[in-house]
Protein backbone atom coordinates (compact mmCIF):
# COMPACT_ATOMS: atom_id res chain seq x y z
CA MET A 1 79.73 77.13 129.10
CA THR A 2 79.70 74.61 126.31
CA LEU A 3 80.01 75.42 122.65
CA SER A 4 77.48 74.06 120.21
CA LYS A 5 78.61 71.44 117.74
CA ARG A 6 77.96 73.84 114.84
CA PHE A 7 80.09 76.56 116.44
CA ARG A 8 82.94 74.14 117.14
CA THR A 9 82.75 73.02 113.51
CA LEU A 10 82.82 76.63 112.31
CA LEU A 11 85.84 77.43 114.46
CA PHE A 12 87.69 74.29 113.40
CA SER A 13 86.93 74.97 109.73
CA ALA A 14 87.98 78.60 109.96
CA LEU A 15 91.22 77.87 111.75
CA SER A 16 92.02 74.92 109.49
CA LEU A 17 92.18 77.45 106.64
CA LEU A 18 95.47 78.54 108.18
CA LEU A 19 96.93 75.25 106.99
CA ILE A 20 96.84 76.57 103.41
CA PRO A 21 99.57 79.22 103.84
CA LEU A 22 101.45 76.97 106.27
CA THR A 23 101.58 74.22 103.64
CA ALA A 24 102.44 76.67 100.88
CA MET A 25 105.38 77.95 102.92
CA GLN A 26 106.85 74.44 102.86
CA PHE A 27 106.92 74.31 99.05
CA THR A 28 107.61 77.85 97.85
CA ASN A 29 109.33 81.04 98.91
CA GLU A 30 106.48 83.10 97.48
CA VAL A 31 104.48 82.70 100.70
CA GLN A 32 106.28 84.22 103.67
CA TRP A 33 104.04 84.52 106.72
CA SER A 34 105.35 85.35 110.16
CA LEU A 35 103.85 84.17 113.43
CA PHE A 36 102.15 87.58 113.68
CA ASP A 37 100.46 87.00 110.29
CA PHE A 38 99.08 83.68 111.49
CA VAL A 39 97.82 85.23 114.73
CA ILE A 40 96.09 88.12 112.95
CA MET A 41 94.50 85.87 110.33
CA GLY A 42 93.46 83.41 113.04
CA ALA A 43 91.78 86.26 114.91
CA LEU A 44 90.01 87.46 111.76
CA LEU A 45 88.79 83.96 110.93
CA THR A 46 87.67 83.40 114.52
CA LEU A 47 85.73 86.66 114.51
CA MET A 48 84.10 85.76 111.21
CA ALA A 49 83.12 82.31 112.52
CA THR A 50 81.67 83.93 115.64
CA GLY A 51 79.77 86.44 113.52
CA LEU A 52 78.41 83.66 111.35
CA GLU A 53 77.25 81.75 114.40
CA LEU A 54 75.52 84.86 115.76
CA ILE A 55 73.79 85.45 112.43
CA LEU A 56 72.61 81.85 112.27
CA ARG A 57 71.31 82.00 115.85
CA LYS A 58 69.68 85.41 115.95
CA ILE A 59 68.29 86.05 112.47
CA GLU A 60 65.34 83.86 111.66
CA HIS A 61 64.21 84.99 108.21
CA PRO A 62 66.25 83.13 105.53
CA GLN A 63 66.55 86.10 103.17
CA ASN A 64 67.82 88.34 105.95
CA ARG A 65 70.33 85.65 106.94
CA ILE A 66 71.69 85.52 103.41
CA VAL A 67 72.09 89.31 103.28
CA TRP A 68 73.88 89.38 106.64
CA ILE A 69 76.14 86.46 105.72
CA ILE A 70 77.11 88.11 102.44
CA ALA A 71 77.82 91.35 104.31
CA LEU A 72 79.96 89.49 106.85
CA PHE A 73 82.03 87.81 104.16
CA PHE A 74 82.36 91.06 102.21
CA VAL A 75 83.66 92.92 105.27
CA GLY A 76 86.02 90.02 106.06
CA ALA A 77 87.36 90.03 102.50
CA ILE A 78 87.89 93.81 102.57
CA ILE A 79 89.78 93.60 105.87
CA TRP A 80 91.87 90.70 104.57
CA ALA A 81 92.69 92.56 101.34
CA GLU A 82 93.66 95.69 103.27
CA LEU A 83 95.94 93.73 105.57
CA ALA A 84 97.47 91.83 102.65
CA VAL A 85 98.08 94.54 100.05
CA GLY A 86 96.68 97.81 101.33
CA ILE A 87 93.82 98.70 99.02
CA PHE A 88 92.92 101.75 101.14
CA ASN A 89 96.50 102.72 102.10
CA THR A 90 95.86 102.66 105.84
CA PRO A 91 98.71 102.26 108.35
CA PHE A 92 97.69 98.60 108.68
CA ALA A 93 98.34 97.85 105.02
CA GLY A 94 100.70 95.06 104.06
CA THR A 95 103.43 95.30 101.51
């Protein structure tokens, strides 16, 4: 099984976002991520990239694509916010 060039680019772009907190950790004590944080965020970004690829492959109508992509990013942002600060006070909430 080979991955398409677009999907490889999406995965690389998503995972390269992890360089932002890694770099910030080198310059400030305000960012304190553990290995677990990087793994969880890497999984979330990978799932979002996979979802985006599926949307781009399966949904043909441009307006429907836009709606699905916005929904994907909204759900990803909500999950990220919950894991980071706990906006819904679930057991998975960060501190």
